[in-house]
Amino acid sequence: MTAQFHVPIAAGERETAAELQSMLVDLLDLALIGKQAHWNVEGRHFRSLHGELDELVDSWHALADVVAERAVSLGAAPDGQAETIAGSSQIEPLPGGHLDGADVVALMGDRLAEVIARVRERMTRIAAIDPVSEHVLIDVAATLEKQLWMLRAQRGDS
């Protein structure tokens, strides 16, 4: 007897998988944008922001892994390739060139707030369909909201 590894996913799971894919894109693009800011930040608080951005990027990669693995557990095939991220991201890119620390705090804070709003919408849409995936998204939202608080606490001081 051979066990089937990939079970065909039901309609609710497909909807959940689509929400998880969108979350994956947001997290991976946040990580890319965060690294861009990390390389280009300048100013009085360069050192602390440079290090903080690395920590944020690492966290966003870890969250992306949890989200992608949840999608796989439902039978979906998550796509974190550059082409997919570039083609479906809703996050506005950073301006080119060097960025002042205060600008980085504002720019990254705005992008993080947008992603938080979307993760909360996703949580609402899948709450009745898949409470386990909703819980994953709740953890993502809690982490991102704490990061936003910590980032915004630096406003006016960068």
Protein backbone atom coordinates (compact mmCIF):
# COMPACT_ATOMS: atom_id res chain seq x y z
CA MET A 1 0.00 0.00 0.00
CA THR A 2 1.37 3.41 -1.01
CA ALA A 3 0.42 6.49 0.96
CA GLN A 4 -0.42 9.57 -1.03
CA PHE A 5 1.92 12.36 0.04
CA HIS A 6 0.02 15.28 -1.50
CA VAL A 7 -3.68 15.11 -0.77
CA PRO A 8 -5.87 17.18 -3.10
CA ILE A 9 -6.87 20.29 -1.18
CA ALA A 10 -10.49 21.29 -0.64
CA ALA A 11 -11.95 24.67 -1.62
CA GLY A 12 -11.51 26.19 1.86
CA GLU A 13 -7.93 25.02 1.97
CA ARG A 14 -7.29 26.54 -1.46
CA GLU A 15 -8.67 29.85 -0.20
CA THR A 16 -6.49 29.59 2.90
CA ALA A 17 -3.46 28.65 0.79
CA ALA A 18 -4.03 31.75 -1.36
CA GLU A 19 -4.12 33.94 1.76
CA LEU A 20 -0.95 32.28 3.05
CA GLN A 21 0.74 32.85 -0.33
CA SER A 22 -0.11 36.54 -0.17
CA MET A 23 1.27 36.68 3.36
CA LEU A 24 4.43 34.95 2.19
CA VAL A 25 4.89 37.56 -0.55
CA ASP A 26 4.43 40.40 1.95
CA LEU A 27 6.97 38.95 4.38
CA LEU A 28 9.58 38.18 1.73
CA ASP A 29 9.22 41.60 0.16
CA LEU A 30 9.47 43.25 3.58
CA ALA A 31 12.74 41.34 4.03
CA LEU A 32 14.04 42.55 0.65
CA ILE A 33 13.05 46.14 1.34
CA GLY A 34 14.50 45.91 4.85
CA LYS A 35 17.82 44.76 3.45
CA GLN A 36 17.77 47.63 0.94
CA ALA A 37 17.26 50.08 3.81
CA HIS A 38 19.98 48.30 5.83
CA TRP A 39 22.52 48.87 3.04
CA ASN A 40 21.58 52.49 2.42
CA VAL A 41 20.78 53.99 5.82
CA GLU A 42 22.90 56.95 6.86
CA GLY A 43 22.94 59.48 9.62
CA ARG A 44 23.31 59.92 13.31
CA HIS A 45 21.75 56.58 14.26
CA PHE A 46 23.23 54.56 11.42
CA ARG A 47 24.75 51.85 13.61
CA SER A 48 21.62 51.08 15.64
CA LEU A 49 19.30 51.17 12.62
CA HIS A 50 21.69 49.12 10.52
CA GLY A 51 21.67 46.39 13.18
CA GLU A 52 17.94 46.63 13.87
CA LEU A 53 17.14 46.24 10.18
CA ASP A 54 19.19 43.04 10.08
CA GLU A 55 17.20 41.70 13.04
CA LEU A 56 13.91 42.63 11.35
CA VAL A 57 14.95 40.97 8.09
CA ASP A 58 15.89 37.77 9.95
CA SER A 59 12.54 37.82 11.74
CA TRP A 60 10.60 38.33 8.50
CA HIS A 61 12.43 35.39 6.91
CA ALA A 62 11.58 33.22 9.92
CA LEU A 63 7.91 34.24 9.78
CA ALA A 64 7.87 33.56 6.03
CA ASP A 65 9.16 30.06 6.71
CA VAL A 66 6.35 29.37 9.22
CA VAL A 67 3.74 30.68 6.77
CA ALA A 68 5.14 28.66 3.85
CA GLU A 69 5.32 25.48 5.93
CA ARG A 70 1.68 25.94 6.98
CA ALA A 71 0.74 26.21 3.30
CA VAL A 72 2.68 23.02 2.53
CA SER A 73 0.91 21.24 5.38
CA LEU A 74 -2.38 22.04 3.62
CA GLY A 75 -1.07 20.55 0.39
CA ALA A 76 -0.21 23.83 -1.33
CA ALA A 77 3.09 24.68 -3.00
CA PRO A 78 4.23 28.10 -1.74
CA ASP A 79 6.14 30.28 -4.18
CA GLY A 80 8.82 32.59 -2.82
CA GLN A 81 10.71 33.12 -6.07
CA ALA A 82 11.87 36.62 -7.00
CA GLU A 83 9.60 36.72 -10.05
CA THR A 84 6.57 35.93 -7.91
CA ILE A 85 7.48 38.49 -5.27
CA ALA A 86 8.11 41.21 -7.87
CA GLY A 87 4.93 40.41 -9.76
CA SER A 88 2.52 40.27 -6.84
CA SER A 89 3.88 42.48 -4.07
CA GLN A 90 1.67 45.31 -2.87
CA ILE A 91 4.49 47.03 -0.99
CA GLU A 92 5.85 50.23 -2.50
CA PRO A 93 9.62 50.08 -3.12
CA LEU A 94 11.93 52.41 -1.26
CA PRO A 95 13.31 55.46 -3.02
CA GLY A 96 16.71 54.82 -4.55
CA GLY A 97 19.98 56.00 -3.08
CA HIS A 98 21.10 56.72 0.45
CA LEU A 99 18.44 57.20 3.11
CA ASP A 100 18.56 59.28 6.26
CA GLY A 101 17.84 57.31 9.44
CA ALA A 102 14.67 59.30 10.21
CA ASP A 103 13.41 58.59 6.70
CA VAL A 104 14.15 54.88 7.10
CA VAL A 105 12.13 54.75 10.31
CA ALA A 106 9.18 56.47 8.60
CA LEU A 107 9.41 54.52 5.33
CA MET A 108 9.77 51.11 6.98
CA GLY A 109 7.10 51.98 9.55
CA ASP A 110 4.61 52.87 6.83
CA ARG A 111 5.30 49.63 4.95
CA LEU A 112 5.08 47.55 8.09
CA ALA A 113 1.75 49.18 9.01
CA GLU A 114 0.36 48.33 5.55
CA VAL A 115 1.38 44.68 5.92
CA ILE A 116 -0.18 44.55 9.39
CA ALA A 117 -3.47 45.85 8.01
CA ARG A 118 -3.43 43.14 5.33
CA VAL A 119 -2.57 40.33 7.76
CA ARG A 120 -5.51 41.39 9.96
CA GLU A 121 -7.82 41.28 6.92
CA ARG A 122 -6.49 37.81 6.06
CA MET A 123 -7.11 36.63 9.62
CA THR A 124 -10.74 37.72 9.35
CA ARG A 125 -11.25 36.03 5.98
CA ILE A 126 -9.90 32.64 7.07
CA ALA A 127 -11.10 32.55 10.70
CA ALA A 128 -14.09 30.31 9.98
CA ILE A 129 -12.32 28.26 7.29
CA ASP A 130 -9.09 27.27 9.02
CA PRO A 131 -8.51 28.27 12.67
CA VAL A 132 -5.01 26.74 12.62
CA SER A 133 -3.89 29.01 9.77
CA GLU A 134 -5.66 31.91 11.47
CA HIS A 135 -3.51 31.20 14.54
CA VAL A 136 -0.37 31.33 12.38
CA LEU A 137 -1.47 34.72 11.07
CA ILE A 138 -2.28 35.91 14.60
CA ASP A 139 1.32 35.12 15.57
CA VAL A 140 2.57 36.97 12.48
CA ALA A 141 0.40 40.01 13.33
CA ALA A 142 1.56 40.04 16.96
CA THR A 143 5.21 39.93 15.91
CA LEU A 144 4.82 42.64 13.25
CA GLU A 145 2.83 44.90 15.58
CA LYS A 146 5.53 44.70 18.24
CA GLN A 147 8.18 45.46 15.62
CA LEU A 148 6.19 48.47 14.42
CA TRP A 149 5.93 49.77 17.97
CA MET A 150 9.68 49.40 18.47
CA LEU A 151 10.46 51.03 15.12
CA ARG A 152 8.06 53.94 15.58
CA ALA A 153 9.38 54.58 19.09
CA GLN A 154 12.46 55.97 17.30
CA ARG A 155 10.57 58.69 15.41
CA GLY A 156 11.97 62.12 15.90
CA ASP A 157 15.14 60.68 17.38
CA SER A 158 16.80 59.32 14.24
